Amino acid sequence: MAHIKGSIGIRRPVEEVFDFVADERNEPAYNPQMRQVEKATPGPIGIGTVWRATTGTKRGPSSFDLEITDFVRPRQLGSVTTIGAVDIRGGLTFRPTGEGTRMDWSWDCRPRGLLKLAGPVITVMGRRQEQRIWAGLKRHLEQAAGG
């Protein structure tokens, strides 16, 4: 199993950051690999909401479903998904700070099949990818606010 965790400070109010991240349809605005996200379940966003997402990488498009498993506005957002041969479970926490919001992430990635041997590589690549994604979120929200 690979464990990926990190944090980032964002100069925006915690409720704004949480709401923007909780709506997965916003992810293409800050994650260049995310091509399309659709809400696959009816009703308000919360526990049980399923998102159908499509990414585009050098290997071509890939689709997956992401299900919200924890939703405590504006503090916690958890999810589970399977991307290829990797099951990912974990979440985000959001805390107000004097400068805005501290967002922490923690993901447990369970590779299946031959990918089990690649745990250390998945950890390194996953950390880099998460840093890029959340740095993109920070830029997007801070620039949209003029700061």
N, C-alpha and C. Protein backbone atom coordinates (compact mmCIF):
# COMPACT_ATOMS: atom_id res chain seq x y z
N MET A 1 0.84 -1.18 0.00
CA MET A 1 0.00 0.00 0.00
C MET A 1 0.89 1.24 0.00
N ALA A 2 0.45 2.26 -0.71
CA ALA A 2 1.14 3.54 -0.74
C ALA A 2 0.29 4.54 0.05
N HIS A 3 0.96 5.34 0.86
CA HIS A 3 0.27 6.38 1.61
C HIS A 3 0.80 7.73 1.12
N ILE A 4 -0.12 8.59 0.72
CA ILE A 4 0.24 9.90 0.18
C ILE A 4 -0.43 10.95 1.04
N LYS A 5 0.36 11.87 1.57
CA LYS A 5 -0.23 12.94 2.37
C LYS A 5 0.54 14.23 2.14
N GLY A 6 -0.11 15.32 2.45
CA GLY A 6 0.51 16.63 2.31
C GLY A 6 -0.47 17.71 2.73
N SER A 7 -0.04 18.96 2.57
CA SER A 7 -0.91 20.08 2.92
C SER A 7 -0.52 21.31 2.12
N ILE A 8 -1.44 22.26 2.08
CA ILE A 8 -1.21 23.51 1.37
C ILE A 8 -2.02 24.61 2.04
N GLY A 9 -1.48 25.81 2.03
CA GLY A 9 -2.22 26.98 2.52
C GLY A 9 -2.81 27.72 1.34
N ILE A 10 -4.06 28.13 1.48
CA ILE A 10 -4.77 28.85 0.41
C ILE A 10 -5.36 30.12 1.03
N ARG A 11 -5.07 31.25 0.43
CA ARG A 11 -5.55 32.52 0.96
C ARG A 11 -6.99 32.80 0.53
N ARG A 12 -7.88 31.94 0.98
CA ARG A 12 -9.32 32.08 0.76
C ARG A 12 -10.04 31.49 1.97
N PRO A 13 -11.26 31.95 2.26
CA PRO A 13 -12.00 31.42 3.42
C PRO A 13 -12.26 29.91 3.31
N VAL A 14 -12.29 29.25 4.44
CA VAL A 14 -12.42 27.80 4.47
C VAL A 14 -13.70 27.31 3.79
N GLU A 15 -14.81 28.01 3.97
CA GLU A 15 -16.06 27.59 3.34
C GLU A 15 -15.96 27.66 1.81
N GLU A 16 -15.30 28.68 1.31
CA GLU A 16 -15.14 28.83 -0.13
C GLU A 16 -14.28 27.71 -0.71
N VAL A 17 -13.18 27.40 -0.03
CA VAL A 17 -12.29 26.34 -0.51
C VAL A 17 -13.01 25.00 -0.46
N PHE A 18 -13.66 24.70 0.66
CA PHE A 18 -14.38 23.43 0.79
C PHE A 18 -15.43 23.28 -0.31
N ASP A 19 -16.28 24.29 -0.47
CA ASP A 19 -17.37 24.20 -1.45
C ASP A 19 -16.84 24.02 -2.87
N PHE A 20 -15.77 24.71 -3.21
CA PHE A 20 -15.20 24.60 -4.55
C PHE A 20 -14.65 23.20 -4.79
N VAL A 21 -13.93 22.66 -3.81
CA VAL A 21 -13.33 21.33 -3.95
C VAL A 21 -14.40 20.24 -3.90
N ALA A 22 -15.42 20.41 -3.06
CA ALA A 22 -16.46 19.39 -2.92
C ALA A 22 -17.23 19.17 -4.23
N ASP A 23 -17.32 20.21 -5.05
CA ASP A 23 -18.00 20.07 -6.34
C ASP A 23 -16.95 19.67 -7.37
N GLU A 24 -16.82 18.38 -7.61
CA GLU A 24 -15.79 17.85 -8.51
C GLU A 24 -15.86 18.43 -9.91
N ARG A 25 -17.01 18.98 -10.30
CA ARG A 25 -17.11 19.59 -11.63
C ARG A 25 -16.16 20.76 -11.79
N ASN A 26 -15.65 21.29 -10.67
CA ASN A 26 -14.69 22.39 -10.72
C ASN A 26 -13.26 21.94 -11.00
N GLU A 27 -12.97 20.66 -10.82
CA GLU A 27 -11.58 20.20 -10.92
C GLU A 27 -10.91 20.49 -12.25
N PRO A 28 -11.59 20.41 -13.40
CA PRO A 28 -10.89 20.75 -14.65
C PRO A 28 -10.34 22.18 -14.68
N ALA A 29 -10.86 23.06 -13.84
CA ALA A 29 -10.37 24.44 -13.80
C ALA A 29 -8.98 24.56 -13.19
N TYR A 30 -8.57 23.58 -12.38
CA TYR A 30 -7.27 23.67 -11.72
C TYR A 30 -6.39 22.44 -11.92
N ASN A 31 -6.92 21.39 -12.49
CA ASN A 31 -6.14 20.17 -12.74
C ASN A 31 -6.13 19.92 -14.24
N PRO A 32 -5.01 20.21 -14.92
CA PRO A 32 -4.98 20.09 -16.38
C PRO A 32 -5.18 18.66 -16.89
N GLN A 33 -5.00 17.65 -16.07
CA GLN A 33 -5.24 16.27 -16.51
C GLN A 33 -6.72 15.89 -16.50
N MET A 34 -7.52 16.62 -15.74
CA MET A 34 -8.95 16.31 -15.63
C MET A 34 -9.67 16.93 -16.82
N ARG A 35 -10.29 16.08 -17.61
CA ARG A 35 -10.97 16.56 -18.83
C ARG A 35 -12.44 16.88 -18.60
N GLN A 36 -13.13 16.00 -17.87
CA GLN A 36 -14.57 16.18 -17.70
C GLN A 36 -15.01 15.50 -16.41
N VAL A 37 -15.96 16.12 -15.72
CA VAL A 37 -16.55 15.52 -14.52
C VAL A 37 -18.05 15.77 -14.56
N GLU A 38 -18.81 14.71 -14.34
CA GLU A 38 -20.26 14.81 -14.29
C GLU A 38 -20.75 14.23 -12.97
N LYS A 39 -21.79 14.83 -12.42
CA LYS A 39 -22.43 14.31 -11.22
C LYS A 39 -23.35 13.18 -11.67
N ALA A 40 -23.12 11.98 -11.14
CA ALA A 40 -23.85 10.80 -11.59
C ALA A 40 -25.03 10.44 -10.69
N THR A 41 -25.19 11.14 -9.58
CA THR A 41 -26.29 10.85 -8.66
C THR A 41 -27.12 12.11 -8.47
N PRO A 42 -28.41 11.97 -8.20
CA PRO A 42 -29.27 13.15 -7.99
C PRO A 42 -29.08 13.72 -6.59
N GLY A 43 -29.62 14.90 -6.39
CA GLY A 43 -29.65 15.51 -5.07
C GLY A 43 -28.43 16.36 -4.78
N PRO A 44 -28.40 16.92 -3.57
CA PRO A 44 -27.28 17.77 -3.18
C PRO A 44 -25.99 16.96 -3.00
N ILE A 45 -24.87 17.65 -3.06
CA ILE A 45 -23.58 17.00 -2.85
C ILE A 45 -23.47 16.59 -1.39
N GLY A 46 -23.08 15.34 -1.15
CA GLY A 46 -22.91 14.83 0.20
C GLY A 46 -22.49 13.38 0.16
N ILE A 47 -22.55 12.71 1.31
CA ILE A 47 -22.18 11.30 1.38
C ILE A 47 -23.03 10.52 0.37
N GLY A 48 -22.38 9.70 -0.43
CA GLY A 48 -23.06 8.91 -1.44
C GLY A 48 -23.06 9.54 -2.83
N THR A 49 -22.71 10.80 -2.94
CA THR A 49 -22.62 11.42 -4.25
C THR A 49 -21.54 10.71 -5.06
N VAL A 50 -21.85 10.40 -6.31
CA VAL A 50 -20.89 9.76 -7.21
C VAL A 50 -20.61 10.72 -8.36
N TRP A 51 -19.32 10.87 -8.64
CA TRP A 51 -18.86 11.67 -9.77
C TRP A 51 -18.26 10.75 -10.81
N ARG A 52 -18.57 10.98 -12.07
CA ARG A 52 -17.97 10.24 -13.18
C ARG A 52 -16.96 11.18 -13.83
N ALA A 53 -15.69 10.79 -13.81
CA ALA A 53 -14.62 11.66 -14.27
C ALA A 53 -13.83 11.03 -15.41
N THR A 54 -13.30 11.89 -16.27
CA THR A 54 -12.43 11.45 -17.36
C THR A 54 -11.17 12.29 -17.32
N THR A 55 -10.04 11.60 -17.29
CA THR A 55 -8.75 12.27 -17.34
C THR A 55 -8.10 12.02 -18.69
N GLY A 56 -7.17 12.86 -19.02
CA GLY A 56 -6.40 12.68 -20.24
C GLY A 56 -4.93 12.74 -19.91
N THR A 57 -4.20 11.70 -20.22
CA THR A 57 -2.77 11.66 -19.96
C THR A 57 -2.05 11.24 -21.23
N LYS A 58 -0.75 11.10 -21.14
CA LYS A 58 0.04 10.65 -22.28
C LYS A 58 -0.42 9.27 -22.76
N ARG A 59 -0.97 8.47 -21.84
CA ARG A 59 -1.45 7.13 -22.19
C ARG A 59 -2.85 7.15 -22.79
N GLY A 60 -3.47 8.32 -22.84
CA GLY A 60 -4.81 8.43 -23.39
C GLY A 60 -5.84 8.67 -22.31
N PRO A 61 -7.13 8.76 -22.70
CA PRO A 61 -8.18 9.04 -21.72
C PRO A 61 -8.44 7.84 -20.80
N SER A 62 -8.85 8.17 -19.59
CA SER A 62 -9.19 7.15 -18.60
C SER A 62 -10.40 7.66 -17.82
N SER A 63 -11.38 6.80 -17.60
CA SER A 63 -12.58 7.19 -16.85
C SER A 63 -12.66 6.42 -15.55
N PHE A 64 -13.25 7.04 -14.56
CA PHE A 64 -13.42 6.40 -13.26
C PHE A 64 -14.55 7.09 -12.52
N ASP A 65 -15.08 6.40 -11.50
CA ASP A 65 -16.08 6.97 -10.61
C ASP A 65 -15.44 7.26 -9.26
N LEU A 66 -15.84 8.36 -8.68
CA LEU A 66 -15.38 8.77 -7.35
C LEU A 66 -16.63 8.93 -6.49
N GLU A 67 -16.64 8.29 -5.32
CA GLU A 67 -17.79 8.38 -4.42
C GLU A 67 -17.40 9.10 -3.14
N ILE A 68 -18.23 10.06 -2.74
CA ILE A 68 -18.00 10.78 -1.48
C ILE A 68 -18.42 9.87 -0.33
N THR A 69 -17.50 9.65 0.60
CA THR A 69 -17.76 8.77 1.75
C THR A 69 -17.79 9.53 3.07
N ASP A 70 -17.35 10.77 3.06
CA ASP A 70 -17.34 11.60 4.27
C ASP A 70 -17.57 13.04 3.83
N PHE A 71 -18.51 13.73 4.47
CA PHE A 71 -18.85 15.08 4.07
C PHE A 71 -19.29 15.84 5.31
N VAL A 72 -18.39 16.66 5.85
CA VAL A 72 -18.70 17.50 7.01
C VAL A 72 -18.29 18.92 6.63
N ARG A 73 -19.25 19.68 6.11
CA ARG A 73 -18.96 21.03 5.64
C ARG A 73 -18.67 21.94 6.82
N PRO A 74 -17.64 22.73 6.78
CA PRO A 74 -16.57 22.88 5.79
C PRO A 74 -15.27 22.24 6.27
N ARG A 75 -15.32 21.11 6.95
CA ARG A 75 -14.14 20.55 7.60
C ARG A 75 -13.55 19.30 6.95
N GLN A 76 -14.38 18.36 6.48
CA GLN A 76 -13.88 17.07 6.00
C GLN A 76 -14.58 16.65 4.73
N LEU A 77 -13.79 16.04 3.85
CA LEU A 77 -14.32 15.51 2.60
C LEU A 77 -13.56 14.23 2.30
N GLY A 78 -14.26 13.09 2.31
CA GLY A 78 -13.61 11.81 2.06
C GLY A 78 -14.17 11.17 0.81
N SER A 79 -13.36 10.29 0.20
CA SER A 79 -13.82 9.63 -1.02
C SER A 79 -13.14 8.29 -1.21
N VAL A 80 -13.72 7.52 -2.12
CA VAL A 80 -13.15 6.24 -2.54
C VAL A 80 -13.29 6.17 -4.05
N THR A 81 -12.27 5.65 -4.69
CA THR A 81 -12.30 5.49 -6.14
C THR A 81 -11.34 4.39 -6.56
N THR A 82 -11.55 3.90 -7.76
CA THR A 82 -10.63 2.94 -8.36
C THR A 82 -10.20 3.52 -9.69
N ILE A 83 -8.90 3.71 -9.84
CA ILE A 83 -8.34 4.21 -11.09
C ILE A 83 -7.42 3.11 -11.60
N GLY A 84 -7.82 2.48 -12.68
CA GLY A 84 -7.04 1.37 -13.21
C GLY A 84 -6.98 0.26 -12.19
N ALA A 85 -5.78 -0.16 -11.83
CA ALA A 85 -5.58 -1.25 -10.87
C ALA A 85 -5.20 -0.71 -9.49
N VAL A 86 -5.65 0.51 -9.16
CA VAL A 86 -5.34 1.10 -7.87
C VAL A 86 -6.64 1.57 -7.20
N ASP A 87 -6.89 1.07 -5.99
CA ASP A 87 -8.00 1.53 -5.17
C ASP A 87 -7.49 2.65 -4.27
N ILE A 88 -8.22 3.77 -4.25
CA ILE A 88 -7.78 4.94 -3.48
C ILE A 88 -8.87 5.32 -2.50
N ARG A 89 -8.49 5.44 -1.24
CA ARG A 89 -9.42 5.84 -0.18
C ARG A 89 -8.72 6.87 0.69
N GLY A 90 -9.45 7.89 1.05
CA GLY A 90 -8.86 8.90 1.92
C GLY A 90 -9.67 10.16 1.89
N GLY A 91 -9.00 11.28 2.16
CA GLY A 91 -9.76 12.50 2.18
C GLY A 91 -8.96 13.74 2.43
N LEU A 92 -9.72 14.81 2.54
CA LEU A 92 -9.20 16.14 2.73
C LEU A 92 -9.76 16.71 4.01
N THR A 93 -8.96 17.50 4.72
CA THR A 93 -9.46 18.26 5.85
C THR A 93 -9.15 19.72 5.59
N PHE A 94 -10.01 20.58 6.08
CA PHE A 94 -9.92 22.01 5.86
C PHE A 94 -9.98 22.72 7.21
N ARG A 95 -9.00 23.60 7.47
CA ARG A 95 -8.98 24.34 8.73
C ARG A 95 -8.76 25.81 8.46
N PRO A 96 -9.54 26.67 9.12
CA PRO A 96 -9.29 28.10 8.96
C PRO A 96 -7.96 28.48 9.60
N THR A 97 -7.27 29.41 8.98
CA THR A 97 -6.02 29.96 9.51
C THR A 97 -6.13 31.48 9.46
N GLY A 98 -5.16 32.14 10.03
CA GLY A 98 -5.15 33.60 9.98
C GLY A 98 -5.07 34.15 8.56
N GLU A 99 -4.54 33.34 7.64
CA GLU A 99 -4.37 33.80 6.26
C GLU A 99 -5.39 33.17 5.30
N GLY A 100 -6.27 32.30 5.78
CA GLY A 100 -7.25 31.67 4.90
C GLY A 100 -7.56 30.26 5.34
N THR A 101 -7.04 29.28 4.58
CA THR A 101 -7.37 27.87 4.82
C THR A 101 -6.12 27.01 4.71
N ARG A 102 -6.02 26.06 5.61
CA ARG A 102 -5.01 25.00 5.46
C ARG A 102 -5.79 23.75 5.05
N MET A 103 -5.40 23.19 3.91
CA MET A 103 -6.03 21.98 3.41
C MET A 103 -5.00 20.85 3.46
N ASP A 104 -5.36 19.77 4.14
CA ASP A 104 -4.50 18.59 4.24
C ASP A 104 -5.14 17.46 3.46
N TRP A 105 -4.30 16.63 2.83
CA TRP A 105 -4.81 15.44 2.15
C TRP A 105 -4.09 14.21 2.66
N SER A 106 -4.80 13.10 2.63
CA SER A 106 -4.25 11.82 3.05
C SER A 106 -4.96 10.73 2.27
N TRP A 107 -4.21 9.98 1.46
CA TRP A 107 -4.76 8.95 0.59
C TRP A 107 -4.04 7.63 0.83
N ASP A 108 -4.79 6.57 0.95
CA ASP A 108 -4.24 5.21 0.96
C ASP A 108 -4.50 4.61 -0.41
N CYS A 109 -3.45 4.25 -1.10
CA CYS A 109 -3.54 3.70 -2.45
C CYS A 109 -3.16 2.23 -2.39
N ARG A 110 -4.09 1.38 -2.77
CA ARG A 110 -3.86 -0.07 -2.76
C ARG A 110 -3.78 -0.58 -4.19
N PRO A 111 -2.56 -0.79 -4.67
CA PRO A 111 -2.43 -1.36 -6.02
C PRO A 111 -2.81 -2.83 -6.01
N ARG A 112 -3.37 -3.28 -7.13
CA ARG A 112 -3.75 -4.68 -7.29
C ARG A 112 -2.90 -5.31 -8.38
N GLY A 113 -2.84 -6.62 -8.36
CA GLY A 113 -2.10 -7.35 -9.39
C GLY A 113 -0.62 -7.04 -9.36
N LEU A 114 -0.03 -6.95 -10.52
CA LEU A 114 1.41 -6.68 -10.62
C LEU A 114 1.79 -5.31 -10.09
N LEU A 115 0.83 -4.39 -10.05
CA LEU A 115 1.14 -3.05 -9.53
C LEU A 115 1.50 -3.07 -8.05
N LYS A 116 1.16 -4.16 -7.35
CA LYS A 116 1.53 -4.25 -5.93
C LYS A 116 3.03 -4.06 -5.74
N LEU A 117 3.81 -4.47 -6.72
CA LEU A 117 5.26 -4.33 -6.63
C LEU A 117 5.73 -2.89 -6.78
N ALA A 118 4.85 -2.03 -7.25
CA ALA A 118 5.23 -0.65 -7.55
C ALA A 118 4.84 0.32 -6.44
N GLY A 119 4.53 -0.17 -5.25
CA GLY A 119 4.11 0.69 -4.16
C GLY A 119 4.99 1.91 -3.93
N PRO A 120 6.32 1.75 -3.80
CA PRO A 120 7.17 2.92 -3.58
C PRO A 120 7.12 3.93 -4.74
N VAL A 121 7.05 3.43 -5.96
CA VAL A 121 6.98 4.33 -7.12
C VAL A 121 5.65 5.08 -7.11
N ILE A 122 4.57 4.38 -6.79
CA ILE A 122 3.25 5.02 -6.72
C ILE A 122 3.26 6.11 -5.67
N THR A 123 3.92 5.88 -4.55
CA THR A 123 3.99 6.88 -3.50
C THR A 123 4.69 8.14 -3.99
N VAL A 124 5.84 7.99 -4.61
CA VAL A 124 6.61 9.15 -5.09
C VAL A 124 5.82 9.90 -6.17
N MET A 125 5.32 9.16 -7.15
CA MET A 125 4.56 9.79 -8.23
C MET A 125 3.28 10.44 -7.70
N GLY A 126 2.61 9.77 -6.77
CA GLY A 126 1.38 10.31 -6.19
C GLY A 126 1.61 11.59 -5.43
N ARG A 127 2.69 11.66 -4.68
CA ARG A 127 3.00 12.89 -3.94
C ARG A 127 3.22 14.05 -4.90
N ARG A 128 3.97 13.81 -5.95
CA ARG A 128 4.21 14.87 -6.94
C ARG A 128 2.91 15.31 -7.60
N GLN A 129 2.10 14.34 -7.98
CA GLN A 129 0.85 14.66 -8.64
C GLN A 129 -0.07 15.46 -7.73
N GLU A 130 -0.21 15.04 -6.48
CA GLU A 130 -1.07 15.76 -5.55
C GLU A 130 -0.57 17.18 -5.33
N GLN A 131 0.74 17.35 -5.20
CA GLN A 131 1.29 18.71 -5.04
C GLN A 131 0.93 19.57 -6.24
N ARG A 132 1.04 19.03 -7.45
CA ARG A 132 0.69 19.80 -8.66
C ARG A 132 -0.79 20.15 -8.69
N ILE A 133 -1.64 19.19 -8.38
CA ILE A 133 -3.09 19.43 -8.42
C ILE A 133 -3.47 20.53 -7.43
N TRP A 134 -3.01 20.41 -6.19
CA TRP A 134 -3.43 21.36 -5.16
C TRP A 134 -2.75 22.71 -5.31
N ALA A 135 -1.56 22.75 -5.89
CA ALA A 135 -0.94 24.05 -6.22
C ALA A 135 -1.78 24.74 -7.29
N GLY A 136 -2.33 23.96 -8.23
CA GLY A 136 -3.23 24.51 -9.24
C GLY A 136 -4.50 25.07 -8.62
N LEU A 137 -5.05 24.38 -7.62
CA LEU A 137 -6.22 24.87 -6.90
C LEU A 137 -5.90 26.19 -6.22
N LYS A 138 -4.78 26.24 -5.53
CA LYS A 138 -4.36 27.46 -4.84
C LYS A 138 -4.27 28.62 -5.82
N ARG A 139 -3.57 28.42 -6.94
CA ARG A 139 -3.44 29.48 -7.95
C ARG A 139 -4.80 29.92 -8.44
N HIS A 140 -5.66 28.94 -8.76
CA HIS A 140 -6.98 29.26 -9.32
C HIS A 140 -7.80 30.10 -8.34
N LEU A 141 -7.91 29.65 -7.10
CA LEU A 141 -8.74 30.37 -6.13
C LEU A 141 -8.17 31.72 -5.76
N GLU A 142 -6.85 31.80 -5.60
CA GLU A 142 -6.26 33.07 -5.22
C GLU A 142 -6.30 34.07 -6.37
N GLN A 143 -6.10 33.61 -7.60
CA GLN A 143 -6.17 34.53 -8.76
C GLN A 143 -7.60 34.98 -9.00
N ALA A 144 -8.56 34.07 -8.84
CA ALA A 144 -9.97 34.43 -9.03
C ALA A 144 -10.40 35.50 -8.04
N ALA A 145 -9.76 35.51 -6.87
CA ALA A 145 -10.09 36.49 -5.84
C ALA A 145 -9.23 37.74 -5.97
N GLY A 146 -8.33 37.75 -6.94
CA GLY A 146 -7.46 38.90 -7.12
C GLY A 146 -6.29 38.94 -6.17
N GLY A 147 -5.93 37.75 -5.64
CA GLY A 147 -4.84 37.78 -4.68
C GLY A 147 -3.97 36.64 -4.86
